[in-house]
Amino acid sequence: MTVREALNTALDEELTRDDRVFLIGEEVAQYNGAYKVSKGLLDKYGPMRIVDTPITESGFAGLAIGAALSGLRPICEFMTFNFSMQAIDQIVNSAAKVHYMNGGIVPCPIVFRGPNGFAA
């Protein structure tokens, strides 16, 4: 099993297990992911749970954080993890600090993922 297949299987398992889980990011739906990690998920779960976004890392990261704070379980995928730096304020000051800043009362159940480095 390749890492890509393992990630796809893990995403599929979580999407099946919990209806609150959804995947959001650039090219995750119609294109099956820039590196085909989300291959087949749009066909299986539909466009309400596998959501393509424009190239607006800070925007869709913020949207995913808001969804997490509202009780959903987003998986926010960056095309490459270098691009996550465009959303670093959202990641650090909105997602990471909210639990601490609220004394542990407000959770932010979110996953940020994406590839890093070169591929063979």
Protein backbone atom coordinates (compact mmCIF):
# COMPACT_ATOMS: atom_id res chain seq x y z
CA MET A 1 0.00 0.00 0.00
CA THR A 2 1.33 3.43 -0.90
CA VAL A 3 1.11 6.46 1.39
CA ARG A 4 -1.45 7.94 -1.05
CA GLU A 5 -3.63 4.82 -0.76
CA ALA A 6 -3.31 4.81 3.03
CA LEU A 7 -4.39 8.46 3.24
CA ASN A 8 -7.32 7.78 0.91
CA THR A 9 -8.39 4.80 3.03
CA ALA A 10 -8.15 6.85 6.24
CA LEU A 11 -10.21 9.67 4.73
CA ASP A 12 -12.80 7.19 3.48
CA GLU A 13 -13.05 5.50 6.89
CA GLU A 14 -13.57 8.80 8.73
CA LEU A 15 -16.11 10.08 6.20
CA THR A 16 -18.04 6.81 6.61
CA ARG A 17 -17.77 6.79 10.41
CA ASP A 18 -18.97 10.35 11.05
CA ASP A 19 -21.38 12.42 8.94
CA ARG A 20 -19.89 15.61 10.39
CA VAL A 21 -16.55 14.97 8.64
CA PHE A 22 -15.95 16.75 5.34
CA LEU A 23 -12.93 17.44 3.12
CA ILE A 24 -12.24 20.95 1.83
CA GLY A 25 -9.41 22.26 -0.33
CA GLU A 26 -8.13 23.01 -3.80
CA GLU A 27 -8.83 20.31 -6.38
CA VAL A 28 -9.92 17.72 -3.79
CA ALA A 29 -13.25 16.97 -5.50
CA GLN A 30 -13.51 16.98 -9.30
CA TYR A 31 -9.77 16.49 -9.87
CA ASN A 32 -9.51 13.78 -7.13
CA GLY A 33 -6.81 15.74 -5.33
CA ALA A 34 -3.62 17.23 -6.72
CA TYR A 35 -1.84 13.98 -5.81
CA LYS A 36 -4.94 11.75 -6.07
CA VAL A 37 -5.28 11.34 -2.30
CA SER A 38 -9.03 12.04 -2.46
CA LYS A 39 -9.62 9.82 -5.51
CA GLY A 40 -13.18 8.50 -5.63
CA LEU A 41 -14.41 10.39 -2.56
CA LEU A 42 -16.53 12.91 -4.49
CA ASP A 43 -18.39 10.09 -6.25
CA LYS A 44 -18.99 8.32 -2.95
CA TYR A 45 -19.85 11.24 -0.64
CA GLY A 46 -20.97 14.04 -2.97
CA PRO A 47 -20.17 17.75 -3.26
CA MET A 48 -21.57 18.68 0.17
CA ARG A 49 -18.81 16.68 1.90
CA ILE A 50 -15.97 16.85 -0.65
CA VAL A 51 -15.63 20.56 -1.39
CA ASP A 52 -13.43 22.21 -4.02
CA THR A 53 -12.28 25.73 -3.17
CA PRO A 54 -10.63 28.58 -5.04
CA ILE A 55 -6.96 29.29 -4.43
CA THR A 56 -7.61 31.14 -1.17
CA GLU A 57 -5.78 29.28 1.57
CA SER A 58 -6.59 31.77 4.31
CA GLY A 59 -10.23 31.83 3.23
CA PHE A 60 -10.92 28.11 3.17
CA ALA A 61 -8.82 27.52 6.29
CA GLY A 62 -10.92 30.14 8.08
CA LEU A 63 -14.12 28.57 6.77
CA ALA A 64 -12.98 25.15 8.00
CA ILE A 65 -12.10 26.56 11.43
CA GLY A 66 -15.53 28.19 11.69
CA ALA A 67 -17.11 24.86 10.75
CA ALA A 68 -15.07 23.08 13.43
CA LEU A 69 -16.13 25.62 16.05
CA SER A 70 -19.74 24.97 14.99
CA GLY A 71 -19.53 21.21 15.61
CA LEU A 72 -18.39 19.86 12.24
CA ARG A 73 -15.17 17.89 11.67
CA PRO A 74 -13.33 19.43 8.70
CA ILE A 75 -10.26 18.07 7.00
CA CYS A 76 -8.60 21.10 5.42
CA GLU A 77 -6.22 20.09 2.64
CA PHE A 78 -3.53 22.36 1.22
CA MET A 79 -2.25 21.53 -2.26
CA THR A 80 1.26 21.63 -0.79
CA PHE A 81 2.01 22.38 2.82
CA ASN A 82 4.13 25.36 1.79
CA PHE A 83 0.86 27.06 0.83
CA SER A 84 -0.43 26.64 4.36
CA MET A 85 1.77 29.59 5.30
CA GLN A 86 -0.76 31.78 3.49
CA ALA A 87 -3.20 30.71 6.23
CA ILE A 88 -0.80 30.68 9.18
CA ASP A 89 -2.67 33.43 11.02
CA GLN A 90 -5.89 31.40 10.80
CA ILE A 91 -4.11 28.19 11.85
CA VAL A 92 -2.21 29.66 14.80
CA ASN A 93 -4.45 32.47 16.05
CA SER A 94 -7.86 30.99 15.28
CA ALA A 95 -7.59 27.20 15.38
CA ALA A 96 -4.69 26.47 17.73
CA LYS A 97 -5.32 29.12 20.38
CA VAL A 98 -9.11 28.94 20.72
CA HIS A 99 -9.07 25.88 23.01
CA TYR A 100 -6.47 27.43 25.31
CA MET A 101 -7.97 30.93 25.24
CA ASN A 102 -11.34 29.55 26.35
CA GLY A 103 -10.00 27.47 29.21
CA GLY A 104 -10.55 24.19 27.38
CA ILE A 105 -14.29 24.77 26.95
CA VAL A 106 -14.32 25.38 23.17
CA PRO A 107 -12.73 22.60 21.10
CA CYS A 108 -11.61 23.07 17.51
CA PRO A 109 -11.62 19.55 16.02
CA ILE A 110 -9.86 20.08 12.69
CA VAL A 111 -7.20 18.38 10.58
CA PHE A 112 -4.86 20.34 8.34
CA ARG A 113 -3.07 18.18 5.80
CA GLY A 114 -1.07 18.36 2.63
CA PRO A 115 2.05 17.00 1.00
CA ASN A 116 5.52 18.40 1.61
CA GLY A 117 8.75 17.88 -0.26
CA PHE A 118 9.32 16.33 -3.66
CA ALA A 119 7.71 13.23 -5.12
CA ALA A 120 9.49 10.49 -7.01
